[in-house]
Amino acid sequence: MLSILHTFLKWPIYDFLLEKYGKTTSGKIVKEKGYNGKGGHILREEKGDAIIYQYSFRMNNKSYFGDSQSSDYNINDTINIIYLENFPGINRPKYYLYK
């Protein structure tokens, strides 16, 4: 039961924390990460599935990654990211929270 609650409530809670306490930094689009609609990822566009991109940023000499949630990027583009200072692994593209 707890794992089901965690699955459904994790991102709404993270989004709340990011909006309230998040810090902003810049990252780079590093690779394609296409979604196949079945819970997995593909590397190339197939059957009309949009390619989305993964970003990377560095904090405290460590690399963190996230999903750009968009197909409007190219490799090496800059993206603004919002993250939790004490938990940089919790991050989102800044535009995602402020649509």
N, C-alpha and C. Protein backbone atom coordinates (compact mmCIF):
# COMPACT_ATOMS: atom_id res chain seq x y z
N MET A 1 0.82 -1.20 0.00
CA MET A 1 0.00 0.00 0.00
C MET A 1 0.86 1.26 0.00
N LEU A 2 1.92 1.26 0.82
CA LEU A 2 2.79 2.45 0.87
C LEU A 2 3.49 2.70 -0.44
N SER A 3 3.91 1.64 -1.13
CA SER A 3 4.60 1.85 -2.41
C SER A 3 3.64 2.43 -3.45
N ILE A 4 2.38 2.05 -3.40
CA ILE A 4 1.39 2.62 -4.32
C ILE A 4 1.20 4.10 -4.02
N LEU A 5 1.06 4.45 -2.75
CA LEU A 5 0.93 5.86 -2.37
C LEU A 5 2.17 6.65 -2.79
N HIS A 6 3.33 6.07 -2.56
CA HIS A 6 4.58 6.74 -2.94
C HIS A 6 4.62 7.00 -4.44
N THR A 7 4.22 6.01 -5.23
CA THR A 7 4.22 6.15 -6.68
C THR A 7 3.33 7.30 -7.13
N PHE A 8 2.15 7.42 -6.56
CA PHE A 8 1.20 8.43 -6.99
C PHE A 8 1.44 9.80 -6.37
N LEU A 9 2.01 9.85 -5.19
CA LEU A 9 2.17 11.12 -4.49
C LEU A 9 3.57 11.72 -4.59
N LYS A 10 4.53 10.93 -5.03
CA LYS A 10 5.92 11.38 -5.07
C LYS A 10 6.08 12.69 -5.84
N TRP A 11 5.68 12.73 -7.10
CA TRP A 11 5.92 13.93 -7.91
C TRP A 11 5.09 15.13 -7.48
N PRO A 12 3.83 14.99 -7.09
CA PRO A 12 3.13 16.17 -6.58
C PRO A 12 3.81 16.77 -5.35
N ILE A 13 4.33 15.92 -4.48
CA ILE A 13 5.05 16.41 -3.29
C ILE A 13 6.36 17.05 -3.71
N TYR A 14 7.11 16.38 -4.60
CA TYR A 14 8.36 16.96 -5.10
C TYR A 14 8.11 18.31 -5.76
N ASP A 15 7.06 18.38 -6.58
CA ASP A 15 6.76 19.64 -7.28
C ASP A 15 6.45 20.75 -6.28
N PHE A 16 5.70 20.45 -5.24
CA PHE A 16 5.40 21.44 -4.20
C PHE A 16 6.71 21.92 -3.57
N LEU A 17 7.58 20.98 -3.20
CA LEU A 17 8.86 21.35 -2.57
C LEU A 17 9.74 22.16 -3.52
N LEU A 18 9.77 21.77 -4.78
CA LEU A 18 10.57 22.50 -5.77
C LEU A 18 10.05 23.93 -5.94
N GLU A 19 8.73 24.09 -6.02
CA GLU A 19 8.16 25.44 -6.16
C GLU A 19 8.46 26.31 -4.95
N LYS A 20 8.41 25.73 -3.77
CA LYS A 20 8.59 26.49 -2.53
C LYS A 20 10.06 26.72 -2.18
N TYR A 21 10.90 25.71 -2.37
CA TYR A 21 12.29 25.78 -1.89
C TYR A 21 13.35 25.62 -2.99
N GLY A 22 12.91 25.43 -4.23
CA GLY A 22 13.85 25.12 -5.30
C GLY A 22 14.83 26.23 -5.63
N LYS A 23 16.01 25.83 -6.05
CA LYS A 23 17.06 26.72 -6.56
C LYS A 23 17.16 26.48 -8.06
N THR A 24 17.60 27.50 -8.78
CA THR A 24 17.69 27.41 -10.23
C THR A 24 19.14 27.33 -10.67
N THR A 25 19.39 26.50 -11.66
CA THR A 25 20.71 26.40 -12.29
C THR A 25 20.50 26.09 -13.76
N SER A 26 21.59 26.06 -14.50
CA SER A 26 21.53 25.71 -15.92
C SER A 26 22.09 24.32 -16.12
N GLY A 27 21.55 23.63 -17.09
CA GLY A 27 22.04 22.32 -17.47
C GLY A 27 22.15 22.25 -18.97
N LYS A 28 22.59 21.13 -19.45
CA LYS A 28 22.73 20.89 -20.89
C LYS A 28 21.91 19.66 -21.29
N ILE A 29 21.32 19.75 -22.46
CA ILE A 29 20.65 18.59 -23.03
C ILE A 29 21.76 17.64 -23.49
N VAL A 30 21.72 16.40 -23.00
CA VAL A 30 22.83 15.49 -23.26
C VAL A 30 22.50 14.31 -24.17
N LYS A 31 21.25 13.89 -24.22
CA LYS A 31 20.94 12.78 -25.12
C LYS A 31 19.45 12.65 -25.37
N GLU A 32 19.13 11.91 -26.43
CA GLU A 32 17.75 11.61 -26.74
C GLU A 32 17.25 10.51 -25.81
N LYS A 33 15.99 10.63 -25.47
CA LYS A 33 15.35 9.62 -24.63
C LYS A 33 13.90 9.55 -25.08
N GLY A 34 13.62 8.72 -26.08
CA GLY A 34 12.28 8.65 -26.64
C GLY A 34 11.37 7.76 -25.82
N TYR A 35 10.13 8.15 -25.65
CA TYR A 35 9.17 7.37 -24.88
C TYR A 35 8.35 6.50 -25.82
N ASN A 36 8.22 5.21 -25.52
CA ASN A 36 7.49 4.33 -26.43
C ASN A 36 6.03 4.13 -26.01
N GLY A 37 5.59 4.80 -24.95
CA GLY A 37 4.20 4.71 -24.54
C GLY A 37 3.85 3.46 -23.76
N LYS A 38 4.82 2.60 -23.51
CA LYS A 38 4.56 1.35 -22.79
C LYS A 38 5.41 1.25 -21.53
N GLY A 39 5.84 2.38 -21.01
CA GLY A 39 6.63 2.37 -19.79
C GLY A 39 8.12 2.23 -20.01
N GLY A 40 8.55 2.17 -21.26
CA GLY A 40 9.97 2.03 -21.57
C GLY A 40 10.44 3.18 -22.44
N HIS A 41 11.71 3.18 -22.74
CA HIS A 41 12.26 4.25 -23.56
C HIS A 41 12.98 3.68 -24.77
N ILE A 42 12.93 4.43 -25.84
CA ILE A 42 13.60 4.08 -27.09
C ILE A 42 14.58 5.19 -27.42
N LEU A 43 15.52 4.92 -28.27
CA LEU A 43 16.50 5.94 -28.62
C LEU A 43 16.18 6.66 -29.92
N ARG A 44 15.33 6.10 -30.74
CA ARG A 44 14.97 6.75 -31.99
C ARG A 44 13.45 6.86 -32.09
N GLU A 45 13.03 7.85 -32.85
CA GLU A 45 11.60 8.03 -33.06
C GLU A 45 11.07 6.87 -33.89
N GLU A 46 10.05 6.21 -33.39
CA GLU A 46 9.44 5.10 -34.10
C GLU A 46 7.93 5.26 -34.06
N LYS A 47 7.30 5.02 -35.18
CA LYS A 47 5.84 5.02 -35.27
C LYS A 47 5.24 6.32 -34.74
N GLY A 48 5.90 7.44 -34.97
CA GLY A 48 5.36 8.73 -34.58
C GLY A 48 5.56 9.12 -33.13
N ASP A 49 6.22 8.27 -32.32
CA ASP A 49 6.48 8.63 -30.92
C ASP A 49 7.49 9.77 -30.88
N ALA A 50 7.19 10.79 -30.12
CA ALA A 50 8.08 11.95 -30.02
C ALA A 50 9.34 11.61 -29.26
N ILE A 51 10.43 12.19 -29.70
CA ILE A 51 11.70 12.06 -28.98
C ILE A 51 11.70 13.12 -27.89
N ILE A 52 12.04 12.74 -26.69
CA ILE A 52 12.26 13.70 -25.63
C ILE A 52 13.73 13.64 -25.26
N TYR A 53 14.19 14.60 -24.51
CA TYR A 53 15.62 14.72 -24.24
C TYR A 53 15.92 14.68 -22.76
N GLN A 54 17.08 14.16 -22.45
CA GLN A 54 17.57 14.10 -21.07
C GLN A 54 18.56 15.24 -20.87
N TYR A 55 18.51 15.86 -19.69
CA TYR A 55 19.47 16.92 -19.37
C TYR A 55 20.39 16.46 -18.24
N SER A 56 21.48 17.20 -18.11
CA SER A 56 22.46 16.94 -17.06
C SER A 56 22.89 18.27 -16.46
N PHE A 57 23.16 18.27 -15.17
CA PHE A 57 23.75 19.44 -14.52
C PHE A 57 24.65 18.95 -13.41
N ARG A 58 25.57 19.80 -13.00
CA ARG A 58 26.52 19.43 -11.95
C ARG A 58 26.29 20.27 -10.71
N MET A 59 26.37 19.59 -9.57
CA MET A 59 26.23 20.24 -8.29
C MET A 59 27.15 19.52 -7.32
N ASN A 60 28.00 20.27 -6.62
CA ASN A 60 28.92 19.67 -5.65
C ASN A 60 29.77 18.56 -6.27
N ASN A 61 30.30 18.83 -7.46
CA ASN A 61 31.16 17.89 -8.19
C ASN A 61 30.50 16.56 -8.52
N LYS A 62 29.19 16.56 -8.64
CA LYS A 62 28.46 15.35 -9.01
C LYS A 62 27.47 15.69 -10.12
N SER A 63 27.30 14.78 -11.06
CA SER A 63 26.35 14.98 -12.16
C SER A 63 24.97 14.45 -11.78
N TYR A 64 23.96 15.20 -12.16
CA TYR A 64 22.57 14.80 -11.96
C TYR A 64 21.87 14.87 -13.31
N PHE A 65 20.86 14.04 -13.47
CA PHE A 65 20.16 13.95 -14.74
C PHE A 65 18.66 14.10 -14.52
N GLY A 66 17.98 14.50 -15.57
CA GLY A 66 16.54 14.61 -15.52
C GLY A 66 15.96 14.53 -16.91
N ASP A 67 14.65 14.45 -16.97
CA ASP A 67 13.91 14.34 -18.21
C ASP A 67 13.41 15.73 -18.59
N SER A 68 13.74 16.17 -19.80
CA SER A 68 13.34 17.52 -20.23
C SER A 68 11.84 17.67 -20.40
N GLN A 69 11.11 16.57 -20.50
CA GLN A 69 9.66 16.59 -20.71
C GLN A 69 9.27 17.27 -22.02
N SER A 70 10.20 17.34 -22.98
CA SER A 70 9.93 18.06 -24.21
C SER A 70 10.73 17.49 -25.38
N SER A 71 10.18 17.68 -26.56
CA SER A 71 10.89 17.30 -27.78
C SER A 71 11.43 18.54 -28.50
N ASP A 72 11.36 19.69 -27.84
CA ASP A 72 11.75 20.97 -28.46
C ASP A 72 13.21 21.33 -28.23
N TYR A 73 14.07 20.37 -28.02
CA TYR A 73 15.48 20.63 -27.75
C TYR A 73 16.36 19.92 -28.75
N ASN A 74 17.62 20.32 -28.73
CA ASN A 74 18.68 19.64 -29.47
C ASN A 74 19.80 19.35 -28.48
N ILE A 75 20.63 18.37 -28.82
CA ILE A 75 21.78 18.04 -27.98
C ILE A 75 22.63 19.30 -27.81
N ASN A 76 23.10 19.54 -26.60
CA ASN A 76 23.93 20.70 -26.18
C ASN A 76 23.15 21.98 -25.94
N ASP A 77 21.83 21.99 -26.12
CA ASP A 77 21.05 23.17 -25.75
C ASP A 77 21.13 23.36 -24.24
N THR A 78 20.99 24.61 -23.82
CA THR A 78 20.94 24.94 -22.39
C THR A 78 19.49 24.89 -21.92
N ILE A 79 19.30 24.41 -20.69
CA ILE A 79 17.96 24.33 -20.11
C ILE A 79 18.05 24.79 -18.66
N ASN A 80 17.07 25.58 -18.22
CA ASN A 80 17.00 26.00 -16.82
C ASN A 80 16.34 24.90 -16.00
N ILE A 81 16.97 24.60 -14.88
CA ILE A 81 16.54 23.49 -14.03
C ILE A 81 16.29 24.03 -12.63
N ILE A 82 15.27 23.50 -11.99
CA ILE A 82 15.02 23.81 -10.59
C ILE A 82 15.26 22.53 -9.79
N TYR A 83 15.97 22.66 -8.67
CA TYR A 83 16.36 21.49 -7.89
C TYR A 83 16.31 21.84 -6.40
N LEU A 84 16.30 20.81 -5.57
CA LEU A 84 16.36 21.02 -4.13
C LEU A 84 17.83 21.03 -3.70
N GLU A 85 18.24 22.07 -3.01
CA GLU A 85 19.63 22.26 -2.66
C GLU A 85 20.21 21.07 -1.89
N ASN A 86 19.47 20.52 -0.95
CA ASN A 86 19.95 19.39 -0.16
C ASN A 86 19.75 18.04 -0.83
N PHE A 87 18.93 18.01 -1.88
CA PHE A 87 18.65 16.77 -2.62
C PHE A 87 18.60 17.09 -4.11
N PRO A 88 19.74 17.38 -4.76
CA PRO A 88 19.74 17.77 -6.17
C PRO A 88 19.17 16.71 -7.11
N GLY A 89 19.12 15.47 -6.66
CA GLY A 89 18.52 14.43 -7.47
C GLY A 89 17.03 14.66 -7.69
N ILE A 90 16.42 15.50 -6.86
CA ILE A 90 15.03 15.92 -7.06
C ILE A 90 15.09 17.20 -7.86
N ASN A 91 14.75 17.10 -9.14
CA ASN A 91 14.87 18.24 -10.04
C ASN A 91 13.86 18.12 -11.17
N ARG A 92 13.60 19.24 -11.80
CA ARG A 92 12.68 19.32 -12.94
C ARG A 92 13.15 20.45 -13.84
N PRO A 93 12.74 20.42 -15.12
CA PRO A 93 12.95 21.61 -15.94
C PRO A 93 12.14 22.74 -15.32
N LYS A 94 12.72 23.92 -15.24
CA LYS A 94 12.03 25.03 -14.58
C LYS A 94 10.70 25.35 -15.26
N TYR A 95 10.67 25.33 -16.60
CA TYR A 95 9.43 25.66 -17.30
C TYR A 95 8.31 24.71 -16.95
N TYR A 96 8.64 23.48 -16.58
CA TYR A 96 7.62 22.48 -16.29
C TYR A 96 6.75 22.90 -15.10
N LEU A 97 7.36 23.53 -14.12
CA LEU A 97 6.63 23.96 -12.93
C LEU A 97 5.93 25.30 -13.12
N TYR A 98 6.35 26.05 -14.11
CA TYR A 98 5.81 27.40 -14.31
C TYR A 98 5.19 27.56 -15.67
N LYS A 99 4.43 26.55 -16.11
CA LYS A 99 3.76 26.60 -17.41
C LYS A 99 2.65 27.63 -17.38
